[in-house]
Amino acid sequence: MNRRGFFASLLGSEPETFFFGVQFVIATLASDDTGNRLRKLIADAARRDNQAEKPQEKRALYKQIIAVVLENKPYWEYGYWDYLIEESDTNTEEEFDSWVSEISASMATEGEELGADVDEVHRLSADKGYIVVSMAFVLEYAPHESVRRLIEDMPEDEYWTMAGFAELCEALRRIDFEYALRDAIFIMPGNEDDGFSWEDLHSAGWDYLKPLSL
């Protein structure tokens, strides 16, 4: 995932959309059920079929997801986020599709990765100490001024801090799904018996992640 146009300048007419994506890497213990709680919230919403697509249902789902993520704030270790404004040389839909396709591709091999023994083709360690929560959105620009202000006003020295990511959680909570054009959420790994190791998260494909400081 690149950071092209990280804060694209606003030139000409007001943009119509912007992209906002964020990933939280959460340290877990073998007895921790955080990943399963998050997966259950998503599965329950999916079982509600059309109800889950209503703006109020989506807002409720994401607020529950964010609440669980915030509960685990002491265990955030790495993260990543991006913010891209639609302009003549940038496309928020393409950025969204890029995030979704890359995450989906990394989840496609879960069955081959799962196991107690190390398979160096897929994993560098059999330890299962981390989960990754990823959220991505294409949002209408004008109705989300408060979301944009939280992102745009963040001091640069807070970009990769616990406080900065807590502000991103507040921005996520303010999304109005009446004006959300695209949204996606992934809990990785998607299997309740699996997790990522420290070695996995320092291997190729994860090098964009940033350690979060206090």
Protein backbone atom coordinates (compact mmCIF):
# COMPACT_ATOMS: atom_id res chain seq x y z
CA MET A 1 0.00 0.00 0.00
CA ASN A 2 1.53 3.29 -1.03
CA ARG A 3 1.14 6.72 0.46
CA ARG A 4 0.78 8.67 -2.78
CA GLY A 5 -0.88 11.99 -2.27
CA PHE A 6 -0.79 11.58 1.51
CA PHE A 7 -2.28 15.00 1.98
CA ALA A 8 -3.25 16.03 -1.52
CA SER A 9 -3.56 19.79 -1.83
CA LEU A 10 -7.02 21.15 -2.47
CA LEU A 11 -6.87 22.83 -5.86
CA GLY A 12 -9.76 24.00 -7.99
CA SER A 13 -13.26 22.80 -7.13
CA GLU A 14 -14.01 20.91 -3.93
CA PRO A 15 -13.30 17.16 -4.20
CA GLU A 16 -16.27 14.83 -4.19
CA THR A 17 -14.77 11.92 -2.25
CA PHE A 18 -11.84 10.87 -0.10
CA PHE A 19 -10.30 7.56 0.88
CA PHE A 20 -9.57 6.67 4.51
CA GLY A 21 -7.94 3.40 5.52
CA VAL A 22 -6.43 2.22 8.80
CA GLN A 23 -4.85 -0.94 10.19
CA PHE A 24 -4.31 -1.89 13.83
CA VAL A 25 -1.90 -4.67 14.80
CA ILE A 26 -2.94 -5.98 18.19
CA ALA A 27 -0.84 -8.27 20.39
CA THR A 28 -2.84 -11.16 21.82
CA LEU A 29 -2.38 -14.09 24.18
CA ALA A 30 -3.43 -17.68 23.59
CA SER A 31 -6.35 -17.17 25.99
CA ASP A 32 -7.41 -13.86 24.38
CA ASP A 33 -10.73 -13.91 22.51
CA THR A 34 -10.40 -10.48 20.85
CA GLY A 35 -10.12 -11.89 17.35
CA ASN A 36 -13.11 -14.17 17.83
CA ARG A 37 -15.22 -11.33 19.26
CA LEU A 38 -14.49 -9.22 16.21
CA ARG A 39 -15.15 -12.06 13.78
CA LYS A 40 -18.46 -12.81 15.53
CA LEU A 41 -19.61 -9.20 15.21
CA ILE A 42 -18.95 -9.30 11.47
CA ALA A 43 -20.51 -12.75 11.02
CA ASP A 44 -23.64 -11.72 12.94
CA ALA A 45 -23.99 -8.64 10.75
CA ALA A 46 -23.56 -10.74 7.59
CA ARG A 47 -26.31 -13.12 8.72
CA ARG A 48 -28.71 -10.19 8.92
CA ASP A 49 -28.36 -9.90 5.12
CA ASN A 50 -30.03 -6.72 3.85
CA GLN A 51 -30.37 -5.28 7.35
CA ALA A 52 -26.58 -5.16 7.63
CA GLU A 53 -26.44 -2.86 4.58
CA LYS A 54 -28.62 -0.17 6.14
CA PRO A 55 -26.64 2.89 7.28
CA GLN A 56 -27.79 2.62 10.90
CA GLU A 57 -26.83 -1.07 11.02
CA LYS A 58 -23.41 -0.35 9.57
CA ARG A 59 -22.85 2.48 12.01
CA ALA A 60 -23.74 0.16 14.90
CA LEU A 61 -21.40 -2.55 13.61
CA TYR A 62 -18.42 -0.25 13.18
CA LYS A 63 -18.99 1.38 16.57
CA GLN A 64 -18.88 -2.08 18.15
CA ILE A 65 -15.71 -2.97 16.22
CA ILE A 66 -14.02 0.28 17.24
CA ALA A 67 -15.04 -0.23 20.87
CA VAL A 68 -13.27 -3.62 20.90
CA VAL A 69 -10.22 -2.13 19.19
CA LEU A 70 -10.07 0.67 21.80
CA GLU A 71 -10.40 -1.85 24.64
CA ASN A 72 -7.14 -3.28 23.34
CA LYS A 73 -5.31 0.04 23.08
CA PRO A 74 -2.58 -1.08 25.55
CA TYR A 75 -1.79 -3.90 23.11
CA TRP A 76 -1.53 -1.89 19.90
CA GLU A 77 2.02 -2.44 18.62
CA TYR A 78 1.99 -1.51 14.95
CA GLY A 79 -0.30 0.35 12.62
CA TYR A 80 -0.77 2.03 9.30
CA TRP A 81 -3.19 4.56 7.84
CA ASP A 82 -3.75 6.52 4.69
CA TYR A 83 -5.88 9.45 3.60
CA LEU A 84 -6.33 10.35 -0.04
CA ILE A 85 -8.46 13.11 -1.57
CA GLU A 86 -10.00 12.62 -5.02
CA GLU A 87 -8.26 14.89 -7.52
CA SER A 88 -7.35 14.84 -11.20
CA ASP A 89 -4.33 12.59 -10.58
CA THR A 90 -5.72 10.50 -7.73
CA ASN A 91 -8.62 8.07 -7.58
CA THR A 92 -10.15 7.10 -4.25
CA GLU A 93 -11.99 4.10 -5.71
CA GLU A 94 -8.72 2.69 -7.07
CA GLU A 95 -7.03 3.15 -3.69
CA PHE A 96 -9.90 1.35 -1.98
CA ASP A 97 -9.72 -1.50 -4.49
CA SER A 98 -5.95 -1.70 -3.97
CA TRP A 99 -6.36 -2.09 -0.21
CA VAL A 100 -9.12 -4.67 -0.54
CA SER A 101 -7.35 -6.73 -3.21
CA GLU A 102 -4.05 -6.82 -1.31
CA ILE A 103 -5.70 -7.81 1.95
CA SER A 104 -7.92 -10.39 0.25
CA ALA A 105 -4.91 -11.93 -1.49
CA SER A 106 -3.03 -12.24 1.79
CA MET A 107 -6.02 -13.99 3.37
CA ALA A 108 -6.43 -16.47 0.51
CA THR A 109 -3.71 -18.81 1.79
CA GLU A 110 -4.96 -19.15 5.37
CA GLY A 111 -5.73 -22.85 5.00
CA GLU A 112 -2.17 -23.54 3.85
CA GLU A 113 -0.67 -21.41 6.62
CA LEU A 114 -2.59 -22.87 9.55
CA GLY A 115 -0.71 -25.34 11.74
CA ALA A 116 1.58 -25.85 14.70
CA ASP A 117 4.67 -26.43 12.54
CA VAL A 118 6.51 -23.73 10.67
CA ASP A 119 5.93 -23.73 6.91
CA GLU A 120 8.44 -21.20 5.60
CA VAL A 121 6.59 -20.87 2.31
CA HIS A 122 3.78 -19.08 4.18
CA ARG A 123 4.93 -18.29 7.73
CA LEU A 124 8.28 -17.75 9.42
CA SER A 125 7.09 -18.91 12.84
CA ALA A 126 4.28 -20.97 14.31
CA ASP A 127 3.73 -18.40 17.07
CA LYS A 128 0.30 -16.77 16.89
CA GLY A 129 0.65 -13.59 18.89
CA TYR A 130 -0.99 -10.90 16.73
CA ILE A 131 -4.17 -10.07 14.85
CA VAL A 132 -4.60 -7.30 12.29
CA VAL A 133 -7.78 -5.22 12.02
CA SER A 134 -8.13 -3.37 8.72
CA MET A 135 -10.83 -0.88 7.71
CA ALA A 136 -11.14 1.04 4.44
CA PHE A 137 -13.68 3.58 3.16
CA VAL A 138 -14.57 5.83 0.27
CA LEU A 139 -16.54 8.71 1.76
CA GLU A 140 -18.34 11.72 0.35
CA TYR A 141 -16.22 14.77 1.02
CA ALA A 142 -18.66 17.48 2.07
CA PRO A 143 -20.73 15.54 4.67
CA HIS A 144 -17.60 14.37 6.50
CA GLU A 145 -15.97 17.62 7.51
CA SER A 146 -15.57 16.56 11.15
CA VAL A 147 -13.89 13.31 10.07
CA ARG A 148 -11.54 15.20 7.75
CA ARG A 149 -10.69 17.78 10.40
CA LEU A 150 -9.60 15.09 12.85
CA ILE A 151 -7.34 13.56 10.21
CA GLU A 152 -5.99 16.73 8.63
CA ASP A 153 -5.38 18.54 11.92
CA MET A 154 -3.35 15.72 13.45
CA PRO A 155 0.19 16.95 14.19
CA GLU A 156 2.78 15.13 12.11
CA ASP A 157 4.60 13.91 15.22
CA GLU A 158 1.44 12.03 16.24
CA TYR A 159 0.98 10.11 12.99
CA TRP A 160 2.50 6.92 14.41
CA THR A 161 1.57 7.20 18.07
CA MET A 162 -1.04 5.60 20.31
CA ALA A 163 -2.66 9.03 20.74
CA GLY A 164 -2.78 9.56 17.00
CA PHE A 165 -4.44 6.19 16.41
CA ALA A 166 -6.94 6.93 19.18
CA GLU A 167 -7.85 10.07 17.20
CA LEU A 168 -8.28 7.91 14.11
CA CYS A 169 -10.73 5.78 16.11
CA GLU A 170 -12.72 8.92 16.86
CA ALA A 171 -12.70 9.77 13.15
CA LEU A 172 -13.99 6.27 12.39
CA ARG A 173 -16.80 6.70 14.90
CA ARG A 174 -17.94 9.88 13.15
CA ILE A 175 -18.45 8.30 9.73
CA ASP A 176 -21.97 8.85 8.43
CA PHE A 177 -22.88 5.73 6.47
CA GLU A 178 -25.58 7.61 4.60
CA TYR A 179 -22.63 9.13 2.75
CA ALA A 180 -20.21 6.17 2.67
CA LEU A 181 -19.80 4.95 -0.91
CA ARG A 182 -17.56 1.95 -0.16
CA ASP A 183 -16.52 0.23 3.05
CA ALA A 184 -14.65 -2.93 3.98
CA ILE A 185 -13.40 -4.53 7.17
CA PHE A 186 -11.03 -7.47 7.61
CA ILE A 187 -9.90 -9.37 10.70
CA MET A 188 -6.68 -11.17 9.90
CA PRO A 189 -6.16 -14.02 10.13
CA GLY A 190 -9.77 -14.90 9.43
CA ASN A 191 -9.45 -18.26 11.16
CA GLU A 192 -10.17 -18.38 14.88
CA ASP A 193 -7.35 -20.87 15.44
CA ASP A 194 -4.65 -18.75 13.85
CA GLY A 195 -2.59 -15.62 14.40
CA PHE A 196 0.50 -13.83 13.11
CA SER A 197 3.94 -14.04 14.69
CA TRP A 198 6.44 -11.21 15.24
CA GLU A 199 8.55 -12.74 12.47
CA ASP A 200 5.58 -12.75 10.08
CA LEU A 201 4.95 -9.06 10.65
CA HIS A 202 8.59 -8.25 9.89
CA SER A 203 8.64 -10.20 6.63
CA ALA A 204 8.05 -9.06 3.05
CA GLY A 205 4.57 -7.73 2.47
CA TRP A 206 4.28 -6.16 5.92
CA ASP A 207 7.18 -3.73 5.69
CA TYR A 208 4.85 -0.71 5.47
CA LEU A 209 3.70 -1.17 9.08
CA LYS A 210 4.87 1.43 11.61
CA PRO A 211 5.66 0.76 15.28
CA LEU A 212 3.37 2.86 17.47
CA SER A 213 5.00 4.93 20.18
CA LEU A 214 3.40 6.27 23.37
